[in-house]
Amino acid sequence: MNMIKQWGSACIVTASLLAAGAVQADAIKVSLTVDNSYALYVGDVNGATSFVGSDGNWPSVETYNFNLASGAYLYVVTASDRAAAQGFLGQFENLTNNYKFYSNDPQWQVMATGLGAGAPYDGTAASLNLLSAEIVDANGGGNASLGWQNFTAGGANGIGPWGAMAGIDAAARWVWYGAGNCNLTNPTAGGCDAGEWLVFRIAVAATPDDPTGTGQLPEPASLALAGLGLLAAGACRRRI
């Protein structure tokens, strides 16, 4: 597990993208880490629209606070060094709705790009375009994982080799995609390649009773319109 650091900007202010009519904005708090590295984006069901931050130092936990339209999605781009262990661990709080969920929430989806190196880890137009293209491919089932798939959960926060990660509840579990040459029962254990780089996503308003966060059965056009209402007024990261 190497310690290559890739940092996003400490604070970002993104342009407001307003859909027609009023769009509710939720206050979101995210604390996460990935072995080996990640980049956090927000967007809609059809692509990424804003970069939040990134990190390549898995022993640290980063916390981000920002406002997000209720119909928006969180995207976590991940990659490992394919040695020893790999995993995604996080705690996510919708402060507006007083709802907390974790990396092992069943509403998360994951997909494998199969592209190897070169994951989009910054806020450049090229990175946003690359990630969005892979999201579109996954939506249509034309990517390495043949669409969005279920993740596989490993041990809870505190388990080796990572130990307890400060700022994340003990209820959170390390997760990964069980594919490729990974242990399908627990793909977080032992070095492997699940078809990286991987992308995890969830609707920020998702709950077990409303997995898309829309309050109704989703239609692609309506979800895309809701995503256009993304309001990311500011995202500040602090190192824990």
Protein backbone atom coordinates (compact mmCIF):
# COMPACT_ATOMS: atom_id res chain seq x y z
CA MET A 1 0.00 0.00 0.00
CA ASN A 2 1.94 2.98 -1.20
CA MET A 3 1.42 6.54 0.09
CA ILE A 4 1.16 8.53 -3.15
CA LYS A 5 -0.69 11.75 -2.40
CA GLN A 6 -3.00 13.42 -4.83
CA TRP A 7 -4.78 16.39 -3.36
CA GLY A 8 -7.78 18.36 -4.46
CA SER A 9 -8.16 22.00 -3.64
CA ALA A 10 -8.81 22.71 0.05
CA CYS A 11 -11.91 24.76 -0.72
CA ILE A 12 -13.88 24.86 -3.94
CA VAL A 13 -16.72 27.07 -5.02
CA THR A 14 -18.65 25.74 -7.98
CA ALA A 15 -21.05 27.56 -10.22
CA SER A 16 -24.74 27.06 -9.46
CA LEU A 17 -26.45 24.99 -12.10
CA LEU A 18 -30.15 25.73 -11.73
CA ALA A 19 -32.89 23.65 -13.27
CA ALA A 20 -36.22 25.23 -14.06
CA GLY A 21 -38.11 25.98 -10.89
CA ALA A 22 -36.97 25.82 -7.29
CA VAL A 23 -34.62 22.99 -6.33
CA GLN A 24 -34.11 21.96 -2.73
CA ALA A 25 -30.48 21.93 -1.60
CA ASP A 26 -29.34 19.54 1.13
CA ALA A 27 -26.37 20.12 3.43
CA ILE A 28 -24.02 17.16 3.00
CA LYS A 29 -21.07 16.06 5.18
CA VAL A 30 -18.71 13.39 3.87
CA SER A 31 -15.83 11.69 5.71
CA LEU A 32 -13.96 9.01 3.78
CA THR A 33 -10.77 7.23 2.92
CA VAL A 34 -9.79 4.72 0.24
CA ASP A 35 -6.88 2.30 0.11
CA ASN A 36 -5.13 3.40 -2.01
CA SER A 37 -6.63 6.58 -3.40
CA TYR A 38 -9.83 8.33 -4.39
CA ALA A 39 -11.44 11.36 -5.98
CA LEU A 40 -14.85 12.66 -4.90
CA TYR A 41 -17.20 14.19 -7.46
CA VAL A 42 -20.83 15.26 -7.54
CA GLY A 43 -23.18 15.18 -10.48
CA ASP A 44 -26.37 13.66 -11.79
CA VAL A 45 -27.36 10.22 -12.99
CA ASN A 46 -25.74 10.84 -16.37
CA GLY A 47 -22.38 12.33 -15.41
CA ALA A 48 -20.10 14.23 -13.08
CA THR A 49 -20.44 18.00 -12.93
CA SER A 50 -18.12 19.13 -10.11
CA PHE A 51 -14.92 17.96 -8.44
CA VAL A 52 -14.81 18.04 -4.63
CA GLY A 53 -11.38 16.67 -3.65
CA SER A 54 -8.97 13.73 -3.79
CA ASP A 55 -6.38 11.98 -1.67
CA GLY A 56 -3.82 9.19 -1.98
CA ASN A 57 -2.84 8.77 1.67
CA TRP A 58 -5.11 5.99 2.95
CA PRO A 59 -4.27 6.35 6.71
CA SER A 60 -5.91 9.79 6.70
CA VAL A 61 -9.62 10.61 6.68
CA GLU A 62 -10.79 13.72 4.86
CA THR A 63 -14.03 15.57 5.67
CA TYR A 64 -15.94 17.68 3.16
CA ASN A 65 -19.00 19.89 3.73
CA PHE A 66 -21.09 21.24 0.85
CA ASN A 67 -24.64 21.89 -0.32
CA LEU A 68 -26.12 19.66 -2.96
CA ALA A 69 -29.42 19.45 -4.82
CA SER A 70 -31.63 16.66 -3.52
CA GLY A 71 -31.63 14.87 -6.87
CA ALA A 72 -27.83 14.83 -7.21
CA TYR A 73 -25.40 11.92 -7.00
CA LEU A 74 -22.11 11.38 -5.21
CA TYR A 75 -19.37 9.66 -7.24
CA VAL A 76 -16.23 8.18 -5.65
CA VAL A 77 -13.50 7.25 -8.12
CA THR A 78 -11.19 4.66 -6.56
CA ALA A 79 -8.00 2.78 -7.31
CA SER A 80 -5.67 0.50 -5.36
CA ASP A 81 -2.07 -0.60 -5.76
CA ARG A 82 -3.36 -4.19 -6.17
CA ALA A 83 -1.24 -5.37 -3.23
CA ALA A 84 -2.00 -6.51 0.33
CA ALA A 85 -5.54 -5.03 0.67
CA GLN A 86 -7.92 -2.51 -0.84
CA GLY A 87 -11.15 -0.85 0.19
CA PHE A 88 -13.47 2.13 0.41
CA LEU A 89 -14.63 3.31 3.85
CA GLY A 90 -16.88 6.30 4.41
CA GLN A 91 -19.55 8.06 6.44
CA PHE A 92 -22.08 10.30 4.73
CA GLU A 93 -24.54 12.63 6.44
CA ASN A 94 -27.48 14.45 4.91
CA LEU A 95 -27.70 17.17 7.56
CA THR A 96 -30.86 18.61 6.06
CA ASN A 97 -32.79 15.34 6.32
CA ASN A 98 -30.95 14.14 9.44
CA TYR A 99 -30.03 10.91 7.65
CA LYS A 100 -26.69 9.13 7.94
CA PHE A 101 -25.40 6.34 5.73
CA TYR A 102 -22.10 4.55 5.17
CA SER A 103 -19.96 3.02 2.44
CA ASN A 104 -21.80 -0.27 3.04
CA ASP A 105 -25.28 1.23 2.51
CA PRO A 106 -27.09 -1.10 0.07
CA GLN A 107 -28.04 1.84 -2.17
CA TRP A 108 -24.43 2.23 -3.35
CA GLN A 109 -23.62 0.96 -6.83
CA VAL A 110 -20.17 0.22 -8.24
CA MET A 111 -18.76 -0.23 -11.70
CA ALA A 112 -15.41 -1.23 -13.13
CA THR A 113 -13.93 0.72 -16.02
CA GLY A 114 -11.17 -1.78 -16.87
CA LEU A 115 -8.97 1.13 -17.90
CA GLY A 116 -6.09 0.45 -15.49
CA ALA A 117 -4.08 3.60 -14.73
CA GLY A 118 -5.11 7.18 -15.40
CA ALA A 119 -8.09 7.58 -13.08
CA PRO A 120 -9.52 11.14 -13.10
CA TYR A 121 -8.21 12.65 -9.87
CA ASP A 122 -8.61 16.38 -10.40
CA GLY A 123 -11.13 18.98 -11.46
CA THR A 124 -9.95 19.53 -15.01
CA ALA A 125 -12.38 19.41 -17.90
CA ALA A 126 -10.57 16.32 -19.18
CA SER A 127 -11.19 14.48 -15.89
CA LEU A 128 -14.85 15.45 -15.77
CA ASN A 129 -15.31 14.38 -19.39
CA LEU A 130 -13.55 11.04 -18.85
CA LEU A 131 -15.59 10.20 -15.75
CA SER A 132 -18.84 11.28 -17.38
CA ALA A 133 -18.12 9.13 -20.43
CA GLU A 134 -17.55 6.10 -18.19
CA ILE A 135 -20.80 6.83 -16.32
CA VAL A 136 -22.73 6.92 -19.59
CA ASP A 137 -21.11 3.64 -20.65
CA ALA A 138 -22.05 2.02 -17.33
CA ASN A 139 -25.62 3.30 -17.57
CA GLY A 140 -25.89 1.52 -20.90
CA GLY A 141 -24.10 -1.64 -19.76
CA GLY A 142 -21.22 -1.15 -22.18
CA ASN A 143 -18.35 -0.99 -19.69
CA ALA A 144 -16.02 -3.62 -18.21
CA SER A 145 -18.51 -4.61 -15.48
CA LEU A 146 -21.48 -4.63 -17.88
CA GLY A 147 -23.22 -1.82 -16.02
CA TRP A 148 -23.59 -0.84 -12.37
CA GLN A 149 -23.21 -3.71 -9.93
CA ASN A 150 -23.48 -4.47 -6.22
CA PHE A 151 -20.45 -4.01 -3.99
CA THR A 152 -19.18 -6.61 -1.50
CA ALA A 153 -18.61 -5.62 2.13
CA GLY A 154 -15.58 -6.62 4.16
CA GLY A 155 -14.79 -5.89 7.80
CA ALA A 156 -16.00 -2.98 9.91
CA ASN A 157 -14.00 0.15 10.69
CA GLY A 158 -11.23 -0.92 13.06
CA ILE A 159 -10.30 -4.16 11.33
CA GLY A 160 -6.74 -4.84 10.18
CA PRO A 161 -4.67 -3.99 8.31
CA TRP A 162 -6.10 -0.47 8.57
CA GLY A 163 -7.15 -0.15 12.21
CA ALA A 164 -9.67 2.40 13.44
CA MET A 165 -10.13 5.38 11.13
CA ALA A 166 -10.96 8.51 13.16
CA GLY A 167 -14.11 10.43 12.26
CA ILE A 168 -15.95 7.41 10.85
CA ASP A 169 -18.38 5.36 12.94
CA ALA A 170 -17.67 1.75 13.85
CA ALA A 171 -20.83 0.80 11.90
CA ALA A 172 -19.11 1.66 8.61
CA ARG A 173 -17.56 -1.23 6.70
CA TRP A 174 -14.81 -1.45 4.13
CA VAL A 175 -16.22 -2.33 0.71
CA TRP A 176 -14.92 -3.22 -2.74
CA TYR A 177 -16.07 -4.77 -5.98
CA GLY A 178 -15.90 -8.57 -6.03
CA ALA A 179 -14.65 -9.25 -9.52
CA GLY A 180 -11.49 -9.93 -11.52
CA ASN A 181 -8.94 -11.92 -9.52
CA CYS A 182 -10.28 -10.68 -6.17
CA ASN A 183 -11.59 -12.87 -3.37
CA LEU A 184 -15.29 -12.85 -4.25
CA THR A 185 -16.32 -13.43 -0.63
CA ASN A 186 -14.23 -10.53 0.69
CA PRO A 187 -12.51 -8.54 -2.07
CA THR A 188 -10.97 -6.13 0.47
CA ALA A 189 -8.57 -8.88 1.65
CA GLY A 190 -5.45 -9.71 -0.35
CA GLY A 191 -4.13 -7.75 -3.28
CA CYS A 192 -6.20 -8.00 -6.46
CA ASP A 193 -7.51 -6.19 -9.52
CA ALA A 194 -11.30 -5.95 -9.78
CA GLY A 195 -11.17 -4.24 -13.17
CA GLU A 196 -9.90 -0.90 -11.95
CA TRP A 197 -10.29 1.89 -11.81
CA LEU A 198 -13.64 1.61 -10.00
CA VAL A 199 -16.44 4.14 -9.49
CA PHE A 200 -18.95 4.03 -6.61
CA ARG A 201 -22.12 6.14 -6.71
CA ILE A 202 -25.23 6.90 -4.67
CA ALA A 203 -28.12 9.37 -4.83
CA VAL A 204 -27.64 11.79 -1.92
CA ALA A 205 -31.32 11.59 -0.98
CA ALA A 206 -31.42 7.79 -1.19
CA THR A 207 -32.88 5.78 1.67
CA PRO A 208 -33.72 2.05 1.84
CA ASP A 209 -37.36 2.90 1.03
CA ASP A 210 -36.46 5.34 -1.74
CA PRO A 211 -33.24 4.11 -3.38
CA THR A 212 -33.16 6.84 -6.03
CA GLY A 213 -34.00 9.67 -3.62
CA THR A 214 -36.73 10.97 -5.92
CA GLY A 215 -39.84 10.02 -3.96
CA GLN A 216 -41.12 8.15 -7.02
CA LEU A 217 -40.03 5.61 -9.58
CA PRO A 218 -37.24 7.26 -11.58
CA GLU A 219 -37.32 8.26 -15.20
CA PRO A 220 -33.94 9.04 -16.79
CA ALA A 221 -35.10 12.40 -18.14
CA SER A 222 -36.47 13.58 -14.79
CA LEU A 223 -33.36 12.43 -12.93
CA ALA A 224 -31.15 14.28 -15.36
CA LEU A 225 -33.22 17.43 -14.91
CA ALA A 226 -32.96 17.18 -11.14
CA GLY A 227 -29.20 16.79 -11.45
CA LEU A 228 -28.99 20.03 -13.38
CA GLY A 229 -30.10 21.79 -10.22
CA LEU A 230 -26.77 21.01 -8.52
CA LEU A 231 -25.90 23.67 -5.97
CA ALA A 232 -22.38 23.16 -4.64
CA ALA A 233 -21.86 26.52 -2.96
CA GLY A 234 -18.60 25.53 -1.36
CA ALA A 235 -16.70 22.45 -0.33
CA CYS A 236 -13.98 22.71 2.28
CA ARG A 237 -11.79 19.83 3.23
CA ARG A 238 -10.05 19.51 6.54
CA ARG A 239 -7.55 16.84 7.33
CA ILE A 240 -8.31 14.76 10.40
